[in-house]
Amino acid sequence: MSLLVEVFVREPDGKLRLLDVPADVYQSGGFESWRTTVWGSESVRALGARLLPRLADADLHVEAGEVPALLREVALLRAHLDAIAAGTERPRTLAEHRAGIEDRLRIIEESAHKALEIGGGVLIW
C-alpha cells in the first residue's frame, strides 16, 4: 500500500474536497511503512521537521496557511537527503532509497505548489 498525496480545498461548509488528478499523475508519498520508517523517523525529526513526522500517528492534513511551512520542510529534508537515506530503514540499496525519497519529496512539493496556487491544502494519507 502507498501513501497518497492530494490537494484539497475547503468548501464553505468546512468539508474537504479533493481535486481531481489526471490518471497518469503519480501521487505516491511513499510506502505505507514510511509513516514511521522515513517521515516519522528519528533522522527526520532530528532535523526539526514537524509536519511530515505527524504521519507516524495519523493522516496529514496541511491546511492552506501551513502550506508554506510544508514547502520549507521539504527543502530542509532535500538538503539532508543523504543523511535521511542513510539513517532510515530501506528495502533497497542506499542509492535507490535516496532516489525514492527524493522522488516523493518532489511529489509533495509539486502538490504544495498547486495548493498555493488555488488557496488549498495538502492531504497525505
PDB file of N, CA and C in Angstrom:
ATOM      1  N   MET A   1       0.841  -1.177   0.000  1.00  0.00           N
ATOM      2  CA  MET A   1       0.000   0.000   0.000  1.00  0.00           C
ATOM      3  C   MET A   1       0.887   1.242   0.000  1.00  0.00           C
ATOM      4  N   SER A   2       0.357   2.304  -0.525  1.00  0.00           N
ATOM      5  CA  SER A   2       1.128   3.525  -0.715  1.00  0.00           C
ATOM      6  C   SER A   2       0.394   4.724  -0.111  1.00  0.00           C
ATOM      7  N   LEU A   3       1.161   5.662   0.406  1.00  0.00           N
ATOM      8  CA  LEU A   3       0.591   6.932   0.860  1.00  0.00           C
ATOM      9  C   LEU A   3       0.242   7.763  -0.373  1.00  0.00           C
ATOM     10  N   LEU A   4      -0.890   8.404  -0.345  1.00  0.00           N
ATOM     11  CA  LEU A   4      -1.291   9.276  -1.444  1.00  0.00           C
ATOM     12  C   LEU A   4      -1.106  10.729  -1.040  1.00  0.00           C
ATOM     13  N   VAL A   5      -0.680  11.533  -2.005  1.00  0.00           N
ATOM     14  CA  VAL A   5      -0.531  12.974  -1.800  1.00  0.00           C
ATOM     15  C   VAL A   5      -1.596  13.643  -2.662  1.00  0.00           C
ATOM     16  N   GLU A   6      -2.488  14.389  -2.011  1.00  0.00           N
ATOM     17  CA  GLU A   6      -3.605  15.017  -2.710  1.00  0.00           C
ATOM     18  C   GLU A   6      -3.687  16.494  -2.341  1.00  0.00           C
ATOM     19  N   VAL A   7      -4.251  17.263  -3.244  1.00  0.00           N
ATOM     20  CA  VAL A   7      -4.518  18.684  -2.994  1.00  0.00           C
ATOM     21  C   VAL A   7      -6.012  18.808  -2.719  1.00  0.00           C
ATOM     22  N   PHE A   8      -6.353  19.637  -1.732  1.00  0.00           N
ATOM     23  CA  PHE A   8      -7.753  19.812  -1.398  1.00  0.00           C
ATOM     24  C   PHE A   8      -8.095  21.287  -1.214  1.00  0.00           C
ATOM     25  N   VAL A   9      -9.378  21.557  -1.267  1.00  0.00           N
ATOM     26  CA  VAL A   9      -9.911  22.864  -0.906  1.00  0.00           C
ATOM     27  C   VAL A   9     -10.990  22.620   0.137  1.00  0.00           C
ATOM     28  N   ARG A  10     -11.226  23.640   0.951  1.00  0.00           N
ATOM     29  CA  ARG A  10     -12.307  23.583   1.940  1.00  0.00           C
ATOM     30  C   ARG A  10     -13.546  24.235   1.333  1.00  0.00           C
ATOM     31  N   GLU A  11     -14.631  23.530   1.400  1.00  0.00           N
ATOM     32  CA  GLU A  11     -15.914  24.060   0.943  1.00  0.00           C
ATOM     33  C   GLU A  11     -16.412  25.086   1.969  1.00  0.00           C
ATOM     34  N   PRO A  12     -17.376  25.925   1.605  1.00  0.00           N
ATOM     35  CA  PRO A  12     -17.907  26.903   2.561  1.00  0.00           C
ATOM     36  C   PRO A  12     -18.425  26.269   3.859  1.00  0.00           C
ATOM     37  N   ASP A  13     -18.893  25.028   3.770  1.00  0.00           N
ATOM     38  CA  ASP A  13     -19.392  24.358   4.976  1.00  0.00           C
ATOM     39  C   ASP A  13     -18.276  23.676   5.772  1.00  0.00           C
ATOM     40  N   GLY A  14     -17.016  23.853   5.315  1.00  0.00           N
ATOM     41  CA  GLY A  14     -15.872  23.288   6.025  1.00  0.00           C
ATOM     42  C   GLY A  14     -15.456  21.909   5.559  1.00  0.00           C
ATOM     43  N   LYS A  15     -16.247  21.296   4.704  1.00  0.00           N
ATOM     44  CA  LYS A  15     -15.899  19.963   4.209  1.00  0.00           C
ATOM     45  C   LYS A  15     -14.711  20.039   3.257  1.00  0.00           C
ATOM     46  N   LEU A  16     -13.941  18.990   3.263  1.00  0.00           N
ATOM     47  CA  LEU A  16     -12.753  18.892   2.429  1.00  0.00           C
ATOM     48  C   LEU A  16     -13.147  18.314   1.072  1.00  0.00           C
ATOM     49  N   ARG A  17     -12.709  18.962  -0.011  1.00  0.00           N
ATOM     50  CA  ARG A  17     -12.951  18.448  -1.361  1.00  0.00           C
ATOM     51  C   ARG A  17     -11.618  18.223  -2.042  1.00  0.00           C
ATOM     52  N   LEU A  18     -11.337  16.975  -2.413  1.00  0.00           N
ATOM     53  CA  LEU A  18     -10.095  16.642  -3.109  1.00  0.00           C
ATOM     54  C   LEU A  18     -10.199  17.062  -4.561  1.00  0.00           C
ATOM     55  N   LEU A  19      -9.116  17.592  -5.095  1.00  0.00           N
ATOM     56  CA  LEU A  19      -9.091  17.949  -6.507  1.00  0.00           C
ATOM     57  C   LEU A  19      -8.917  16.703  -7.349  1.00  0.00           C
ATOM     58  N   ASP A  20      -9.525  16.718  -8.509  1.00  0.00           N
ATOM     59  CA  ASP A  20      -9.345  15.618  -9.445  1.00  0.00           C
ATOM     60  C   ASP A  20      -7.916  15.635  -9.959  1.00  0.00           C
ATOM     61  N   VAL A  21      -7.367  14.445 -10.139  1.00  0.00           N
ATOM     62  CA  VAL A  21      -5.994  14.298 -10.617  1.00  0.00           C
ATOM     63  C   VAL A  21      -6.029  13.437 -11.871  1.00  0.00           C
ATOM     64  N   PRO A  22      -5.342  13.870 -12.930  1.00  0.00           N
ATOM     65  CA  PRO A  22      -5.295  13.036 -14.136  1.00  0.00           C
ATOM     66  C   PRO A  22      -4.767  11.641 -13.812  1.00  0.00           C
ATOM     67  N   ALA A  23      -5.278  10.651 -14.511  1.00  0.00           N
ATOM     68  CA  ALA A  23      -4.928   9.249 -14.240  1.00  0.00           C
ATOM     69  C   ALA A  23      -3.434   8.973 -14.385  1.00  0.00           C
ATOM     70  N   ASP A  24      -2.736   9.762 -15.186  1.00  0.00           N
ATOM     71  CA  ASP A  24      -1.311   9.493 -15.419  1.00  0.00           C
ATOM     72  C   ASP A  24      -0.395  10.206 -14.416  1.00  0.00           C
ATOM     73  N   VAL A  25      -0.959  10.886 -13.435  1.00  0.00           N
ATOM     74  CA  VAL A  25      -0.154  11.603 -12.441  1.00  0.00           C
ATOM     75  C   VAL A  25       0.123  10.674 -11.262  1.00  0.00           C
ATOM     76  N   TYR A  26       1.407  10.499 -10.959  1.00  0.00           N
ATOM     77  CA  TYR A  26       1.850   9.643  -9.859  1.00  0.00           C
ATOM     78  C   TYR A  26       1.765  10.447  -8.571  1.00  0.00           C
ATOM     79  N   GLN A  27       1.015   9.961  -7.584  1.00  0.00           N
ATOM     80  CA  GLN A  27       0.731  10.705  -6.365  1.00  0.00           C
ATOM     81  C   GLN A  27       1.337  10.074  -5.112  1.00  0.00           C
ATOM     82  N   SER A  28       2.281   9.192  -5.245  1.00  0.00           N
ATOM     83  CA  SER A  28       2.772   8.464  -4.081  1.00  0.00           C
ATOM     84  C   SER A  28       3.645   9.308  -3.166  1.00  0.00           C
ATOM     85  N   GLY A  29       3.316   9.261  -1.889  1.00  0.00           N
ATOM     86  CA  GLY A  29       4.131   9.898  -0.855  1.00  0.00           C
ATOM     87  C   GLY A  29       5.028   8.891  -0.167  1.00  0.00           C
ATOM     88  N   GLY A  30       5.155   7.720  -0.750  1.00  0.00           N
ATOM     89  CA  GLY A  30       5.978   6.659  -0.174  1.00  0.00           C
ATOM     90  C   GLY A  30       5.127   5.466   0.204  1.00  0.00           C
ATOM     91  N   PHE A  31       5.789   4.430   0.662  1.00  0.00           N
ATOM     92  CA  PHE A  31       5.095   3.238   1.112  1.00  0.00           C
ATOM     93  C   PHE A  31       4.378   3.537   2.424  1.00  0.00           C
ATOM     94  N   GLU A  32       3.346   2.799   2.715  1.00  0.00           N
ATOM     95  CA  GLU A  32       2.623   2.962   3.983  1.00  0.00           C
ATOM     96  C   GLU A  32       3.584   2.868   5.170  1.00  0.00           C
ATOM     97  N   SER A  33       4.564   1.998   5.087  1.00  0.00           N
ATOM     98  CA  SER A  33       5.533   1.827   6.182  1.00  0.00           C
ATOM     99  C   SER A  33       6.385   3.074   6.402  1.00  0.00           C
ATOM    100  N   TRP A  34       6.465   3.952   5.402  1.00  0.00           N
ATOM    101  CA  TRP A  34       7.261   5.176   5.531  1.00  0.00           C
ATOM    102  C   TRP A  34       6.687   6.148   6.550  1.00  0.00           C
ATOM    103  N   ARG A  35       5.435   5.940   6.960  1.00  0.00           N
ATOM    104  CA  ARG A  35       4.864   6.782   8.015  1.00  0.00           C
ATOM    105  C   ARG A  35       5.821   6.836   9.208  1.00  0.00           C
ATOM    106  N   THR A  36       6.372   5.662   9.557  1.00  0.00           N
ATOM    107  CA  THR A  36       7.283   5.587  10.705  1.00  0.00           C
ATOM    108  C   THR A  36       8.737   5.438  10.288  1.00  0.00           C
ATOM    109  N   THR A  37       9.003   4.676   9.221  1.00  0.00           N
ATOM    110  CA  THR A  37      10.397   4.380   8.884  1.00  0.00           C
ATOM    111  C   THR A  37      11.129   5.507   8.175  1.00  0.00           C
ATOM    112  N   VAL A  38      10.397   6.430   7.554  1.00  0.00           N
ATOM    113  CA  VAL A  38      11.045   7.577   6.896  1.00  0.00           C
ATOM    114  C   VAL A  38      10.511   8.880   7.482  1.00  0.00           C
ATOM    115  N   TRP A  39       9.255   9.229   7.181  1.00  0.00           N
ATOM    116  CA  TRP A  39       8.733  10.539   7.585  1.00  0.00           C
ATOM    117  C   TRP A  39       8.687  10.710   9.108  1.00  0.00           C
ATOM    118  N   GLY A  40       8.432   9.654   9.820  1.00  0.00           N
ATOM    119  CA  GLY A  40       8.388   9.737  11.283  1.00  0.00           C
ATOM    120  C   GLY A  40       9.664   9.280  11.959  1.00  0.00           C
ATOM    121  N   SER A  41      10.700   9.059  11.177  1.00  0.00           N
ATOM    122  CA  SER A  41      11.967   8.540  11.715  1.00  0.00           C
ATOM    123  C   SER A  41      12.694   9.565  12.581  1.00  0.00           C
ATOM    124  N   GLU A  42      13.582   9.070  13.404  1.00  0.00           N
ATOM    125  CA  GLU A  42      14.408   9.952  14.230  1.00  0.00           C
ATOM    126  C   GLU A  42      15.288  10.841  13.346  1.00  0.00           C
ATOM    127  N   SER A  43      15.738  10.317  12.208  1.00  0.00           N
ATOM    128  CA  SER A  43      16.570  11.111  11.290  1.00  0.00           C
ATOM    129  C   SER A  43      15.831  12.358  10.805  1.00  0.00           C
ATOM    130  N   VAL A  44      14.564  12.219  10.481  1.00  0.00           N
ATOM    131  CA  VAL A  44      13.759  13.348  10.002  1.00  0.00           C
ATOM    132  C   VAL A  44      13.395  14.271  11.163  1.00  0.00           C
ATOM    133  N   ARG A  45      13.013  13.696  12.290  1.00  0.00           N
ATOM    134  CA  ARG A  45      12.643  14.501  13.458  1.00  0.00           C
ATOM    135  C   ARG A  45      13.834  15.324  13.973  1.00  0.00           C
ATOM    136  N   ALA A  46      15.024  14.730  13.930  1.00  0.00           N
ATOM    137  CA  ALA A  46      16.221  15.408  14.438  1.00  0.00           C
ATOM    138  C   ALA A  46      16.549  16.670  13.637  1.00  0.00           C
ATOM    139  N   LEU A  47      16.094  16.733  12.410  1.00  0.00           N
ATOM    140  CA  LEU A  47      16.316  17.920  11.578  1.00  0.00           C
ATOM    141  C   LEU A  47      15.368  19.062  11.941  1.00  0.00           C
ATOM    142  N   GLY A  48      14.377  18.761  12.754  1.00  0.00           N
ATOM    143  CA  GLY A  48      13.410  19.777  13.147  1.00  0.00           C
ATOM    144  C   GLY A  48      12.109  19.722  12.365  1.00  0.00           C
ATOM    145  N   ALA A  49      11.948  18.688  11.539  1.00  0.00           N
ATOM    146  CA  ALA A  49      10.698  18.548  10.791  1.00  0.00           C
ATOM    147  C   ALA A  49       9.551  18.354  11.779  1.00  0.00           C
ATOM    148  N   ARG A  50       8.424  19.001  11.503  1.00  0.00           N
ATOM    149  CA  ARG A  50       7.286  18.857  12.409  1.00  0.00           C
ATOM    150  C   ARG A  50       6.007  18.419  11.694  1.00  0.00           C
ATOM    151  N   LEU A  51       5.923  18.617  10.393  1.00  0.00           N
ATOM    152  CA  LEU A  51       4.713  18.235   9.666  1.00  0.00           C
ATOM    153  C   LEU A  51       4.744  16.771   9.232  1.00  0.00           C
ATOM    154  N   LEU A  52       5.714  16.395   8.425  1.00  0.00           N
ATOM    155  CA  LEU A  52       5.755  15.029   7.920  1.00  0.00           C
ATOM    156  C   LEU A  52       5.844  13.976   9.027  1.00  0.00           C
ATOM    157  N   PRO A  53       6.529  14.233  10.139  1.00  0.00           N
ATOM    158  CA  PRO A  53       6.526  13.229  11.214  1.00  0.00           C
ATOM    159  C   PRO A  53       5.146  12.939  11.796  1.00  0.00           C
ATOM    160  N   ARG A  54       4.174  13.827  11.588  1.00  0.00           N
ATOM    161  CA  ARG A  54       2.807  13.561  12.059  1.00  0.00           C
ATOM    162  C   ARG A  54       2.218  12.314  11.416  1.00  0.00           C
ATOM    163  N   LEU A  55       2.753  11.936  10.244  1.00  0.00           N
ATOM    164  CA  LEU A  55       2.253  10.748   9.549  1.00  0.00           C
ATOM    165  C   LEU A  55       2.459   9.472  10.367  1.00  0.00           C
ATOM    166  N   ALA A  56       3.368   9.492  11.299  1.00  0.00           N
ATOM    167  CA  ALA A  56       3.600   8.310  12.134  1.00  0.00           C
ATOM    168  C   ALA A  56       2.365   7.958  12.948  1.00  0.00           C
ATOM    169  N   ASP A  57       1.519   8.961  13.214  1.00  0.00           N
ATOM    170  CA  ASP A  57       0.348   8.750  14.063  1.00  0.00           C
ATOM    171  C   ASP A  57      -0.993   8.879  13.353  1.00  0.00           C
ATOM    172  N   ALA A  58      -1.024   9.595  12.230  1.00  0.00           N
ATOM    173  CA  ALA A  58      -2.299   9.854  11.556  1.00  0.00           C
ATOM    174  C   ALA A  58      -2.043  10.384  10.150  1.00  0.00           C
ATOM    175  N   ASP A  59      -3.118  10.520   9.395  1.00  0.00           N
ATOM    176  CA  ASP A  59      -3.015  11.162   8.086  1.00  0.00           C
ATOM    177  C   ASP A  59      -2.627  12.618   8.309  1.00  0.00           C
ATOM    178  N   LEU A  60      -1.974  13.203   7.326  1.00  0.00           N
ATOM    179  CA  LEU A  60      -1.503  14.581   7.451  1.00  0.00           C
ATOM    180  C   LEU A  60      -2.377  15.523   6.636  1.00  0.00           C
ATOM    181  N   HIS A  61      -3.068  16.431   7.325  1.00  0.00           N
ATOM    182  CA  HIS A  61      -3.852  17.489   6.694  1.00  0.00           C
ATOM    183  C   HIS A  61      -3.078  18.787   6.871  1.00  0.00           C
ATOM    184  N   VAL A  62      -2.531  19.306   5.783  1.00  0.00           N
ATOM    185  CA  VAL A  62      -1.817  20.577   5.826  1.00  0.00           C
ATOM    186  C   VAL A  62      -2.768  21.626   5.268  1.00  0.00           C
ATOM    187  N   GLU A  63      -3.305  22.426   6.152  1.00  0.00           N
ATOM    188  CA  GLU A  63      -4.262  23.452   5.734  1.00  0.00           C
ATOM    189  C   GLU A  63      -3.538  24.539   4.932  1.00  0.00           C
ATOM    190  N   ALA A  64      -4.311  25.343   4.216  1.00  0.00           N
ATOM    191  CA  ALA A  64      -3.759  26.362   3.320  1.00  0.00           C
ATOM    192  C   ALA A  64      -2.707  27.235   3.997  1.00  0.00           C
ATOM    193  N   GLY A  65      -2.941  27.646   5.212  1.00  0.00           N
ATOM    194  CA  GLY A  65      -1.998  28.514   5.910  1.00  0.00           C
ATOM    195  C   GLY A  65      -0.692  27.839   6.282  1.00  0.00           C
ATOM    196  N   GLU A  66      -0.668  26.506   6.290  1.00  0.00           N
ATOM    197  CA  GLU A  66       0.544  25.754   6.629  1.00  0.00           C
ATOM    198  C   GLU A  66       1.353  25.305   5.409  1.00  0.00           C
ATOM    199  N   VAL A  67       0.812  25.508   4.219  1.00  0.00           N
ATOM    200  CA  VAL A  67       1.491  25.025   3.005  1.00  0.00           C
ATOM    201  C   VAL A  67       2.896  25.622   2.859  1.00  0.00           C
ATOM    202  N   PRO A  68       3.113  26.920   3.121  1.00  0.00           N
ATOM    203  CA  PRO A  68       4.489  27.430   3.047  1.00  0.00           C
ATOM    204  C   PRO A  68       5.433  26.699   4.016  1.00  0.00           C
ATOM    205  N   ALA A  69       4.947  26.329   5.185  1.00  0.00           N
ATOM    206  CA  ALA A  69       5.776  25.575   6.134  1.00  0.00           C
ATOM    207  C   ALA A  69       6.098  24.190   5.580  1.00  0.00           C
ATOM    208  N   LEU A  70       5.141  23.585   4.877  1.00  0.00           N
ATOM    209  CA  LEU A  70       5.403  22.286   4.255  1.00  0.00           C
ATOM    210  C   LEU A  70       6.487  22.419   3.193  1.00  0.00           C
ATOM    211  N   LEU A  71       6.442  23.465   2.404  1.00  0.00           N
ATOM    212  CA  LEU A  71       7.472  23.682   1.385  1.00  0.00           C
ATOM    213  C   LEU A  71       8.852  23.886   2.027  1.00  0.00           C
ATOM    214  N   ARG A  72       8.897  24.618   3.131  1.00  0.00           N
ATOM    215  CA  ARG A  72      10.185  24.795   3.832  1.00  0.00           C
ATOM    216  C   ARG A  72      10.687  23.457   4.376  1.00  0.00           C
ATOM    217  N   GLU A  73       9.774  22.650   4.877  1.00  0.00           N
ATOM    218  CA  GLU A  73      10.166  21.350   5.405  1.00  0.00           C
ATOM    219  C   GLU A  73      10.691  20.432   4.299  1.00  0.00           C
ATOM    220  N   VAL A  74      10.051  20.433   3.152  1.00  0.00           N
ATOM    221  CA  VAL A  74      10.538  19.655   2.012  1.00  0.00           C
ATOM    222  C   VAL A  74      11.946  20.111   1.628  1.00  0.00           C
ATOM    223  N   ALA A  75      12.172  21.413   1.582  1.00  0.00           N
ATOM    224  CA  ALA A  75      13.504  21.938   1.251  1.00  0.00           C
ATOM    225  C   ALA A  75      14.531  21.504   2.291  1.00  0.00           C
ATOM    226  N   LEU A  76      14.152  21.533   3.555  1.00  0.00           N
ATOM    227  CA  LEU A  76      15.040  21.094   4.626  1.00  0.00           C
ATOM    228  C   LEU A  76      15.428  19.629   4.447  1.00  0.00           C
ATOM    229  N   LEU A  77      14.443  18.784   4.198  1.00  0.00           N
ATOM    230  CA  LEU A  77      14.729  17.360   4.033  1.00  0.00           C
ATOM    231  C   LEU A  77      15.554  17.098   2.779  1.00  0.00           C
ATOM    232  N   ARG A  78      15.251  17.832   1.718  1.00  0.00           N
ATOM    233  CA  ARG A  78      16.035  17.657   0.492  1.00  0.00           C
ATOM    234  C   ARG A  78      17.508  18.020   0.736  1.00  0.00           C
ATOM    235  N   ALA A  79      17.747  19.038   1.552  1.00  0.00           N
ATOM    236  CA  ALA A  79      19.127  19.454   1.846  1.00  0.00           C
ATOM    237  C   ALA A  79      19.886  18.409   2.652  1.00  0.00           C
ATOM    238  N   HIS A  80      19.162  17.520   3.304  1.00  0.00           N
ATOM    239  CA  HIS A  80      19.786  16.483   4.134  1.00  0.00           C
ATOM    240  C   HIS A  80      19.430  15.084   3.649  1.00  0.00           C
ATOM    241  N   LEU A  81      19.192  14.966   2.369  1.00  0.00           N
ATOM    242  CA  LEU A  81      18.715  13.718   1.776  1.00  0.00           C
ATOM    243  C   LEU A  81      19.655  12.537   2.015  1.00  0.00           C
ATOM    244  N   ASP A  82      20.952  12.762   1.886  1.00  0.00           N
ATOM    245  CA  ASP A  82      21.902  11.661   2.088  1.00  0.00           C
ATOM    246  C   ASP A  82      21.820  11.118   3.514  1.00  0.00           C
ATOM    247  N   ALA A  83      21.753  12.021   4.494  1.00  0.00           N
ATOM    248  CA  ALA A  83      21.678  11.594   5.897  1.00  0.00           C
ATOM    249  C   ALA A  83      20.363  10.886   6.187  1.00  0.00           C
ATOM    250  N   ILE A  84      19.280  11.366   5.621  1.00  0.00           N
ATOM    251  CA  ILE A  84      17.980  10.721   5.836  1.00  0.00           C
ATOM    252  C   ILE A  84      17.985   9.323   5.232  1.00  0.00           C
ATOM    253  N   ALA A  85      18.473   9.199   4.016  1.00  0.00           N
ATOM    254  CA  ALA A  85      18.511   7.883   3.368  1.00  0.00           C
ATOM    255  C   ALA A  85      19.386   6.905   4.154  1.00  0.00           C
ATOM    256  N   ALA A  86      20.510   7.383   4.646  1.00  0.00           N
ATOM    257  CA  ALA A  86      21.406   6.513   5.405  1.00  0.00           C
ATOM    258  C   ALA A  86      20.854   6.164   6.780  1.00  0.00           C
ATOM    259  N   GLY A  87      20.044   7.054   7.341  1.00  0.00           N
ATOM    260  CA  GLY A  87      19.563   6.862   8.703  1.00  0.00           C
ATOM    261  C   GLY A  87      18.188   6.234   8.816  1.00  0.00           C
ATOM    262  N   THR A  88      17.599   5.809   7.701  1.00  0.00           N
ATOM    263  CA  THR A  88      16.268   5.204   7.741  1.00  0.00           C
ATOM    264  C   THR A  88      16.307   3.810   7.156  1.00  0.00           C
ATOM    265  N   GLU A  89      15.316   3.005   7.568  1.00  0.00           N
ATOM    266  CA  GLU A  89      15.234   1.636   7.062  1.00  0.00           C
ATOM    267  C   GLU A  89      14.989   1.653   5.568  1.00  0.00           C
ATOM    268  N   ARG A  90      15.642   0.736   4.881  1.00  0.00           N
ATOM    269  CA  ARG A  90      15.485   0.692   3.438  1.00  0.00           C
ATOM    270  C   ARG A  90      15.486  -0.748   2.933  1.00  0.00           C
ATOM    271  N   PRO A  91      14.551  -1.060   2.055  1.00  0.00           N
ATOM    272  CA  PRO A  91      14.482  -2.399   1.483  1.00  0.00           C
ATOM    273  C   PRO A  91      15.371  -2.559   0.252  1.00  0.00           C
ATOM    274  N   ARG A  92      16.013  -1.472  -0.161  1.00  0.00           N
ATOM    275  CA  ARG A  92      16.812  -1.472  -1.392  1.00  0.00           C
ATOM    276  C   ARG A  92      18.200  -0.939  -1.099  1.00  0.00           C
ATOM    277  N   THR A  93      18.963  -0.704  -2.155  1.00  0.00           N
ATOM    278  CA  THR A  93      20.283  -0.112  -1.967  1.00  0.00           C
ATOM    279  C   THR A  93      20.122   1.331  -1.492  1.00  0.00           C
ATOM    280  N   LEU A  94      21.166   1.870  -0.915  1.00  0.00           N
ATOM    281  CA  LEU A  94      21.134   3.244  -0.425  1.00  0.00           C
ATOM    282  C   LEU A  94      20.799   4.220  -1.555  1.00  0.00           C
ATOM    283  N   ALA A  95      21.400   4.028  -2.719  1.00  0.00           N
ATOM    284  CA  ALA A  95      21.148   4.928  -3.850  1.00  0.00           C
ATOM    285  C   ALA A  95      19.684   4.866  -4.290  1.00  0.00           C
ATOM    286  N   GLU A  96      19.099   3.669  -4.332  1.00  0.00           N
ATOM    287  CA  GLU A  96      17.695   3.530  -4.713  1.00  0.00           C
ATOM    288  C   GLU A  96      16.772   4.145  -3.658  1.00  0.00           C
ATOM    289  N   HIS A  97      17.121   3.948  -2.392  1.00  0.00           N
ATOM    290  CA  HIS A  97      16.319   4.501  -1.302  1.00  0.00           C
ATOM    291  C   HIS A  97      16.360   6.032  -1.349  1.00  0.00           C
ATOM    292  N   ARG A  98      17.547   6.582  -1.550  1.00  0.00           N
ATOM    293  CA  ARG A  98      17.697   8.033  -1.654  1.00  0.00           C
ATOM    294  C   ARG A  98      16.861   8.575  -2.810  1.00  0.00           C
ATOM    295  N   ALA A  99      16.931   7.912  -3.966  1.00  0.00           N
ATOM    296  CA  ALA A  99      16.167   8.347  -5.140  1.00  0.00           C
ATOM    297  C   ALA A  99      14.668   8.263  -4.875  1.00  0.00           C
ATOM    298  N   GLY A 100      14.234   7.238  -4.151  1.00  0.00           N
ATOM    299  CA  GLY A 100      12.822   7.101  -3.821  1.00  0.00           C
ATOM    300  C   GLY A 100      12.347   8.223  -2.918  1.00  0.00           C
ATOM    301  N   ILE A 101      13.136   8.571  -1.916  1.00  0.00           N
ATOM    302  CA  ILE A 101      12.772   9.668  -1.013  1.00  0.00           C
ATOM    303  C   ILE A 101      12.744  10.985  -1.786  1.00  0.00           C
ATOM    304  N   GLU A 102      13.747  11.185  -2.616  1.00  0.00           N
ATOM    305  CA  GLU A 102      13.812  12.422  -3.408  1.00  0.00           C
ATOM    306  C   GLU A 102      12.597  12.551  -4.324  1.00  0.00           C
ATOM    307  N   ASP A 103      12.194  11.446  -4.930  1.00  0.00           N
ATOM    308  CA  ASP A 103      11.026  11.465  -5.818  1.00  0.00           C
ATOM    309  C   ASP A 103       9.759  11.802  -5.042  1.00  0.00           C
ATOM    310  N   ARG A 104       9.597  11.222  -3.855  1.00  0.00           N
ATOM    311  CA  ARG A 104       8.404  11.501  -3.046  1.00  0.00           C
ATOM    312  C   ARG A 104       8.398  12.946  -2.555  1.00  0.00           C
ATOM    313  N   LEU A 105       9.561  13.490  -2.227  1.00  0.00           N
ATOM    314  CA  LEU A 105       9.641  14.903  -1.834  1.00  0.00           C
ATOM    315  C   LEU A 105       9.235  15.798  -2.999  1.00  0.00           C
ATOM    316  N   ARG A 106       9.620  15.434  -4.207  1.00  0.00           N
ATOM    317  CA  ARG A 106       9.229  16.197  -5.403  1.00  0.00           C
ATOM    318  C   ARG A 106       7.709  16.191  -5.565  1.00  0.00           C
ATOM    319  N   ILE A 107       7.095  15.036  -5.370  1.00  0.00           N
ATOM    320  CA  ILE A 107       5.641  14.909  -5.499  1.00  0.00           C
ATOM    321  C   ILE A 107       4.936  15.780  -4.452  1.00  0.00           C
ATOM    322  N   ILE A 108       5.430  15.729  -3.220  1.00  0.00           N
ATOM    323  CA  ILE A 108       4.847  16.552  -2.153  1.00  0.00           C
ATOM    324  C   ILE A 108       5.013  18.029  -2.480  1.00  0.00           C
ATOM    325  N   GLU A 109       6.194  18.398  -2.960  1.00  0.00           N
ATOM    326  CA  GLU A 109       6.464  19.794  -3.307  1.00  0.00           C
ATOM    327  C   GLU A 109       5.555  20.278  -4.442  1.00  0.00           C
ATOM    328  N   GLU A 110       5.408  19.478  -5.471  1.00  0.00           N
ATOM    329  CA  GLU A 110       4.541  19.866  -6.587  1.00  0.00           C
ATOM    330  C   GLU A 110       3.099  20.045  -6.124  1.00  0.00           C
ATOM    331  N   SER A 111       2.647  19.157  -5.257  1.00  0.00           N
ATOM    332  CA  SER A 111       1.290  19.266  -4.722  1.00  0.00           C
ATOM    333  C   SER A 111       1.149  20.530  -3.875  1.00  0.00           C
ATOM    334  N   ALA A 112       2.160  20.845  -3.092  1.00  0.00           N
ATOM    335  CA  ALA A 112       2.125  22.043  -2.254  1.00  0.00           C
ATOM    336  C   ALA A 112       2.082  23.306  -3.115  1.00  0.00           C
ATOM    337  N   HIS A 113       2.823  23.323  -4.209  1.00  0.00           N
ATOM    338  CA  HIS A 113       2.781  24.489  -5.101  1.00  0.00           C
ATOM    339  C   HIS A 113       1.396  24.637  -5.733  1.00  0.00           C
ATOM    340  N   LYS A 114       0.797  23.518  -6.117  1.00  0.00           N
ATOM    341  CA  LYS A 114      -0.563  23.562  -6.679  1.00  0.00           C
ATOM    342  C   LYS A 114      -1.535  24.098  -5.621  1.00  0.00           C
ATOM    343  N   ALA A 115      -1.391  23.633  -4.385  1.00  0.00           N
ATOM    344  CA  ALA A 115      -2.250  24.101  -3.294  1.00  0.00           C
ATOM    345  C   ALA A 115      -2.097  25.604  -3.091  1.00  0.00           C
ATOM    346  N   LEU A 116      -0.860  26.100  -3.149  1.00  0.00           N
ATOM    347  CA  LEU A 116      -0.635  27.547  -3.007  1.00  0.00           C
ATOM    348  C   LEU A 116      -1.352  28.332  -4.097  1.00  0.00           C
ATOM    349  N   GLU A 117      -1.306  27.816  -5.319  1.00  0.00           N
ATOM    350  CA  GLU A 117      -1.939  28.499  -6.458  1.00  0.00           C
ATOM    351  C   GLU A 117      -3.435  28.685  -6.268  1.00  0.00           C
ATOM    352  N   ILE A 118      -4.071  27.706  -5.624  1.00  0.00           N
ATOM    353  CA  ILE A 118      -5.539  27.739  -5.527  1.00  0.00           C
ATOM    354  C   ILE A 118      -6.039  28.074  -4.126  1.00  0.00           C
ATOM    355  N   GLY A 119      -5.121  28.299  -3.195  1.00  0.00           N
ATOM    356  CA  GLY A 119      -5.530  28.596  -1.825  1.00  0.00           C
ATOM    357  C   GLY A 119      -6.029  27.367  -1.082  1.00  0.00           C
ATOM    358  N   GLY A 120      -5.495  26.210  -1.460  1.00  0.00           N
ATOM    359  CA  GLY A 120      -5.916  24.956  -0.848  1.00  0.00           C
ATOM    360  C   GLY A 120      -4.866  24.370   0.073  1.00  0.00           C
ATOM    361  N   GLY A 121      -5.064  23.139   0.438  1.00  0.00           N
ATOM    362  CA  GLY A 121      -4.149  22.438   1.318  1.00  0.00           C
ATOM    363  C   GLY A 121      -3.676  21.137   0.712  1.00  0.00           C
ATOM    364  N   VAL A 122      -2.872  20.402   1.479  1.00  0.00           N
ATOM    365  CA  VAL A 122      -2.318  19.133   1.031  1.00  0.00           C
ATOM    366  C   VAL A 122      -2.708  18.052   2.034  1.00  0.00           C
ATOM    367  N   LEU A 123      -3.167  16.946   1.510  1.00  0.00           N
ATOM    368  CA  LEU A 123      -3.517  15.784   2.325  1.00  0.00           C
ATOM    369  C   LEU A 123      -2.586  14.646   1.941  1.00  0.00           C
ATOM    370  N   ILE A 124      -1.937  14.059   2.939  1.00  0.00           N
ATOM    371  CA  ILE A 124      -1.137  12.848   2.702  1.00  0.00           C
ATOM    372  C   ILE A 124      -1.780  11.775   3.556  1.00  0.00           C
ATOM    373  N   TRP A 125      -2.251  10.720   2.909  1.00  0.00           N
ATOM    374  CA  TRP A 125      -2.988   9.670   3.600  1.00  0.00           C
ATOM    375  C   TRP A 125      -2.799   8.313   2.982  1.00  0.00           C
TER     376      TRP A 125
END
